[in-house]
């Protein structure tokens, strides 16, 4: 996704850059929301299948969600820096 933003910013100059950066940030956030939703769905299915492993699954789910959030924050910061 960041490669697409870099390519677009290289070819497009002028007043369109903030709009492109905003769309790229929105795509990053939507992708992260979808990913975290999938992580939660898979974790709930795993807990439903093996309730005794709920603690391990829950902690793994939180770690994976935090990694996705970190990548999303990085993408949004790069989009903001592209405008500045």
N, C-alpha and C. Protein backbone atom coordinates (compact mmCIF):
# COMPACT_ATOMS: atom_id res chain seq x y z
N UNK A 1 0.82 -1.18 0.00
CA UNK A 1 0.00 0.00 0.00
C UNK A 1 0.87 1.25 0.00
N UNK A 2 1.93 1.22 0.75
CA UNK A 2 2.81 2.38 0.79
C UNK A 2 3.53 2.57 -0.54
N UNK A 3 3.79 1.46 -1.24
CA UNK A 3 4.40 1.57 -2.56
C UNK A 3 3.47 2.28 -3.53
N UNK A 4 2.19 1.98 -3.45
CA UNK A 4 1.21 2.64 -4.32
C UNK A 4 1.18 4.13 -4.03
N UNK A 5 1.21 4.49 -2.75
CA UNK A 5 1.22 5.91 -2.38
C UNK A 5 2.46 6.61 -2.92
N UNK A 6 3.61 5.95 -2.81
CA UNK A 6 4.85 6.56 -3.30
C UNK A 6 4.81 6.76 -4.81
N UNK A 7 4.27 5.80 -5.53
CA UNK A 7 4.17 5.91 -6.99
C UNK A 7 3.21 7.04 -7.36
N UNK A 8 2.07 7.10 -6.68
CA UNK A 8 1.10 8.16 -6.98
C UNK A 8 1.67 9.54 -6.67
N UNK A 9 2.38 9.67 -5.56
CA UNK A 9 2.94 10.96 -5.20
C UNK A 9 4.05 11.38 -6.16
N UNK A 10 4.70 10.40 -6.77
CA UNK A 10 5.76 10.72 -7.72
C UNK A 10 5.19 11.29 -9.01
N UNK A 11 4.04 10.79 -9.43
CA UNK A 11 3.45 11.22 -10.68
C UNK A 11 2.49 12.39 -10.52
N UNK A 12 1.87 12.49 -9.37
CA UNK A 12 0.87 13.53 -9.16
C UNK A 12 1.47 14.61 -8.26
N UNK A 13 1.47 15.81 -8.74
CA UNK A 13 1.95 16.94 -7.95
C UNK A 13 0.82 17.96 -7.83
N UNK A 14 0.92 18.78 -6.83
CA UNK A 14 -0.03 19.87 -6.72
C UNK A 14 -1.12 19.62 -5.70
N UNK A 15 -2.32 20.08 -5.99
CA UNK A 15 -3.39 20.07 -4.99
C UNK A 15 -3.98 18.68 -4.72
N UNK A 16 -3.62 17.67 -5.50
CA UNK A 16 -4.21 16.35 -5.32
C UNK A 16 -3.50 15.51 -4.26
N UNK A 17 -2.32 15.90 -3.86
CA UNK A 17 -1.53 15.09 -2.94
C UNK A 17 -2.23 14.88 -1.59
N UNK A 18 -2.81 15.91 -0.95
CA UNK A 18 -3.51 15.64 0.33
C UNK A 18 -4.67 14.68 0.18
N UNK A 19 -5.39 14.78 -0.93
CA UNK A 19 -6.50 13.86 -1.15
C UNK A 19 -6.04 12.43 -1.31
N UNK A 20 -4.96 12.24 -2.06
CA UNK A 20 -4.42 10.90 -2.25
C UNK A 20 -3.93 10.33 -0.92
N UNK A 21 -3.26 11.16 -0.13
CA UNK A 21 -2.78 10.70 1.17
C UNK A 21 -3.94 10.35 2.09
N UNK A 22 -5.01 11.12 2.04
CA UNK A 22 -6.18 10.82 2.88
C UNK A 22 -6.83 9.50 2.47
N UNK A 23 -6.94 9.26 1.16
CA UNK A 23 -7.51 8.00 0.69
C UNK A 23 -6.62 6.83 1.08
N UNK A 24 -5.32 6.99 0.96
CA UNK A 24 -4.39 5.92 1.35
C UNK A 24 -4.48 5.63 2.85
N UNK A 25 -4.60 6.66 3.67
CA UNK A 25 -4.76 6.45 5.12
C UNK A 25 -6.07 5.73 5.42
N UNK A 26 -7.13 6.11 4.70
CA UNK A 26 -8.42 5.45 4.91
C UNK A 26 -8.36 3.98 4.52
N UNK A 27 -7.67 3.68 3.43
CA UNK A 27 -7.53 2.28 3.01
C UNK A 27 -6.74 1.49 4.05
N UNK A 28 -5.71 2.10 4.61
CA UNK A 28 -4.92 1.43 5.64
C UNK A 28 -5.77 1.12 6.87
N UNK A 29 -6.58 2.08 7.28
CA UNK A 29 -7.42 1.88 8.47
C UNK A 29 -8.50 0.84 8.20
N UNK A 30 -9.10 0.87 7.02
CA UNK A 30 -10.13 -0.13 6.69
C UNK A 30 -9.51 -1.52 6.65
N UNK A 31 -8.32 -1.63 6.06
CA UNK A 31 -7.65 -2.93 6.03
C UNK A 31 -7.32 -3.44 7.42
N UNK A 32 -6.90 -2.55 8.29
CA UNK A 32 -6.60 -2.96 9.66
C UNK A 32 -7.85 -3.41 10.40
N UNK A 33 -8.94 -2.68 10.19
CA UNK A 33 -10.20 -3.07 10.85
C UNK A 33 -10.65 -4.45 10.37
N UNK A 34 -10.50 -4.69 9.09
CA UNK A 34 -10.86 -5.99 8.53
C UNK A 34 -9.96 -7.09 9.10
N UNK A 35 -8.66 -6.80 9.19
CA UNK A 35 -7.72 -7.77 9.73
C UNK A 35 -7.97 -8.09 11.20
N UNK A 36 -8.22 -7.06 11.99
CA UNK A 36 -8.49 -7.29 13.41
C UNK A 36 -9.80 -8.03 13.60
N UNK A 37 -10.78 -7.74 12.75
CA UNK A 37 -12.04 -8.49 12.80
C UNK A 37 -11.82 -9.96 12.50
N UNK A 38 -10.97 -10.25 11.52
CA UNK A 38 -10.65 -11.64 11.20
C UNK A 38 -9.91 -12.33 12.33
N UNK A 39 -9.01 -11.59 12.97
CA UNK A 39 -8.29 -12.16 14.11
C UNK A 39 -9.27 -12.51 15.23
N UNK A 40 -10.18 -11.59 15.52
CA UNK A 40 -11.17 -11.84 16.57
C UNK A 40 -12.09 -13.01 16.23
N UNK A 41 -12.51 -13.08 14.97
CA UNK A 41 -13.38 -14.17 14.53
C UNK A 41 -12.69 -15.52 14.70
N UNK A 42 -11.45 -15.59 14.24
CA UNK A 42 -10.70 -16.84 14.35
C UNK A 42 -10.45 -17.22 15.80
N UNK A 43 -10.18 -16.23 16.64
CA UNK A 43 -9.94 -16.52 18.05
C UNK A 43 -11.20 -17.04 18.73
N UNK A 44 -12.34 -16.45 18.41
CA UNK A 44 -13.59 -16.91 19.03
C UNK A 44 -13.94 -18.33 18.56
N UNK A 45 -13.66 -18.63 17.29
CA UNK A 45 -13.90 -19.99 16.80
C UNK A 45 -12.97 -20.98 17.49
N UNK A 46 -11.71 -20.59 17.69
CA UNK A 46 -10.76 -21.47 18.37
C UNK A 46 -11.16 -21.70 19.82
N UNK A 47 -11.63 -20.66 20.48
CA UNK A 47 -12.06 -20.81 21.88
C UNK A 47 -13.31 -21.67 21.96
N UNK A 48 -14.20 -21.55 20.96
CA UNK A 48 -15.40 -22.37 20.96
C UNK A 48 -15.06 -23.84 20.77
N UNK A 49 -14.01 -24.12 19.99
CA UNK A 49 -13.62 -25.51 19.75
C UNK A 49 -12.86 -26.11 20.94
N UNK A 50 -12.02 -25.29 21.57
CA UNK A 50 -11.22 -25.76 22.71
C UNK A 50 -11.27 -24.73 23.82
N UNK A 51 -12.28 -24.79 24.67
CA UNK A 51 -12.40 -23.79 25.74
C UNK A 51 -11.24 -23.78 26.72
N UNK A 52 -10.55 -24.90 26.88
CA UNK A 52 -9.44 -24.95 27.84
C UNK A 52 -8.23 -24.17 27.35
N UNK A 53 -8.17 -23.84 26.06
CA UNK A 53 -7.05 -23.07 25.52
C UNK A 53 -7.38 -21.59 25.39
N UNK A 54 -8.41 -21.14 26.07
CA UNK A 54 -8.88 -19.76 25.92
C UNK A 54 -7.82 -18.74 26.32
N UNK A 55 -7.08 -18.99 27.36
CA UNK A 55 -6.07 -18.03 27.80
C UNK A 55 -4.96 -17.84 26.78
N UNK A 56 -4.48 -18.95 26.23
CA UNK A 56 -3.42 -18.85 25.22
C UNK A 56 -3.92 -18.18 23.95
N UNK A 57 -5.12 -18.54 23.53
CA UNK A 57 -5.68 -17.96 22.31
C UNK A 57 -5.91 -16.46 22.51
N UNK A 58 -6.42 -16.08 23.67
CA UNK A 58 -6.70 -14.67 23.93
C UNK A 58 -5.42 -13.83 23.92
N UNK A 59 -4.38 -14.34 24.55
CA UNK A 59 -3.14 -13.56 24.57
C UNK A 59 -2.52 -13.48 23.18
N UNK A 60 -2.59 -14.55 22.41
CA UNK A 60 -2.10 -14.50 21.03
C UNK A 60 -2.90 -13.53 20.18
N UNK A 61 -4.21 -13.49 20.41
CA UNK A 61 -5.08 -12.57 19.68
C UNK A 61 -4.72 -11.12 20.01
N UNK A 62 -4.45 -10.82 21.25
CA UNK A 62 -4.10 -9.46 21.64
C UNK A 62 -2.77 -9.04 21.03
N UNK A 63 -1.80 -9.94 21.01
CA UNK A 63 -0.50 -9.63 20.41
C UNK A 63 -0.64 -9.39 18.91
N UNK A 64 -1.39 -10.25 18.23
CA UNK A 64 -1.58 -10.08 16.78
C UNK A 64 -2.33 -8.78 16.48
N UNK A 65 -3.33 -8.46 17.28
CA UNK A 65 -4.06 -7.21 17.09
C UNK A 65 -3.18 -5.99 17.30
N UNK A 66 -2.29 -6.06 18.28
CA UNK A 66 -1.38 -4.95 18.53
C UNK A 66 -0.40 -4.77 17.37
N UNK A 67 0.06 -5.86 16.78
CA UNK A 67 0.96 -5.76 15.63
C UNK A 67 0.25 -5.12 14.43
N UNK A 68 -1.00 -5.49 14.22
CA UNK A 68 -1.76 -4.88 13.12
C UNK A 68 -1.98 -3.40 13.39
N UNK A 69 -2.30 -3.05 14.61
CA UNK A 69 -2.49 -1.63 14.95
C UNK A 69 -1.21 -0.84 14.75
N UNK A 70 -0.07 -1.42 15.11
CA UNK A 70 1.21 -0.73 14.92
C UNK A 70 1.51 -0.47 13.46
N UNK A 71 1.26 -1.46 12.62
CA UNK A 71 1.48 -1.28 11.18
C UNK A 71 0.54 -0.24 10.61
N UNK A 72 -0.68 -0.22 11.09
CA UNK A 72 -1.65 0.77 10.61
C UNK A 72 -1.25 2.18 11.04
N UNK A 73 -0.81 2.32 12.26
CA UNK A 73 -0.36 3.63 12.73
C UNK A 73 0.81 4.12 11.90
N UNK A 74 1.74 3.22 11.59
CA UNK A 74 2.88 3.58 10.75
C UNK A 74 2.41 4.04 9.38
N UNK A 75 1.46 3.35 8.78
CA UNK A 75 0.95 3.73 7.45
C UNK A 75 0.28 5.09 7.49
N UNK A 76 -0.50 5.36 8.53
CA UNK A 76 -1.17 6.65 8.64
C UNK A 76 -0.15 7.77 8.83
N UNK A 77 0.88 7.54 9.62
CA UNK A 77 1.91 8.55 9.83
C UNK A 77 2.65 8.84 8.53
N UNK A 78 2.94 7.81 7.75
CA UNK A 78 3.59 8.02 6.46
C UNK A 78 2.69 8.84 5.53
N UNK A 79 1.41 8.58 5.55
CA UNK A 79 0.48 9.36 4.73
C UNK A 79 0.44 10.82 5.17
N UNK A 80 0.46 11.05 6.46
CA UNK A 80 0.47 12.43 6.96
C UNK A 80 1.77 13.12 6.58
N UNK A 81 2.89 12.42 6.68
CA UNK A 81 4.17 13.01 6.31
C UNK A 81 4.27 13.28 4.81
N UNK A 82 3.55 12.53 4.01
CA UNK A 82 3.56 12.76 2.57
C UNK A 82 2.91 14.10 2.23
N UNK A 83 1.98 14.53 3.05
CA UNK A 83 1.29 15.81 2.80
C UNK A 83 2.17 16.97 3.22
N UNK A 84 2.92 16.79 4.30
CA UNK A 84 3.72 17.90 4.85
C UNK A 84 4.89 18.21 3.99
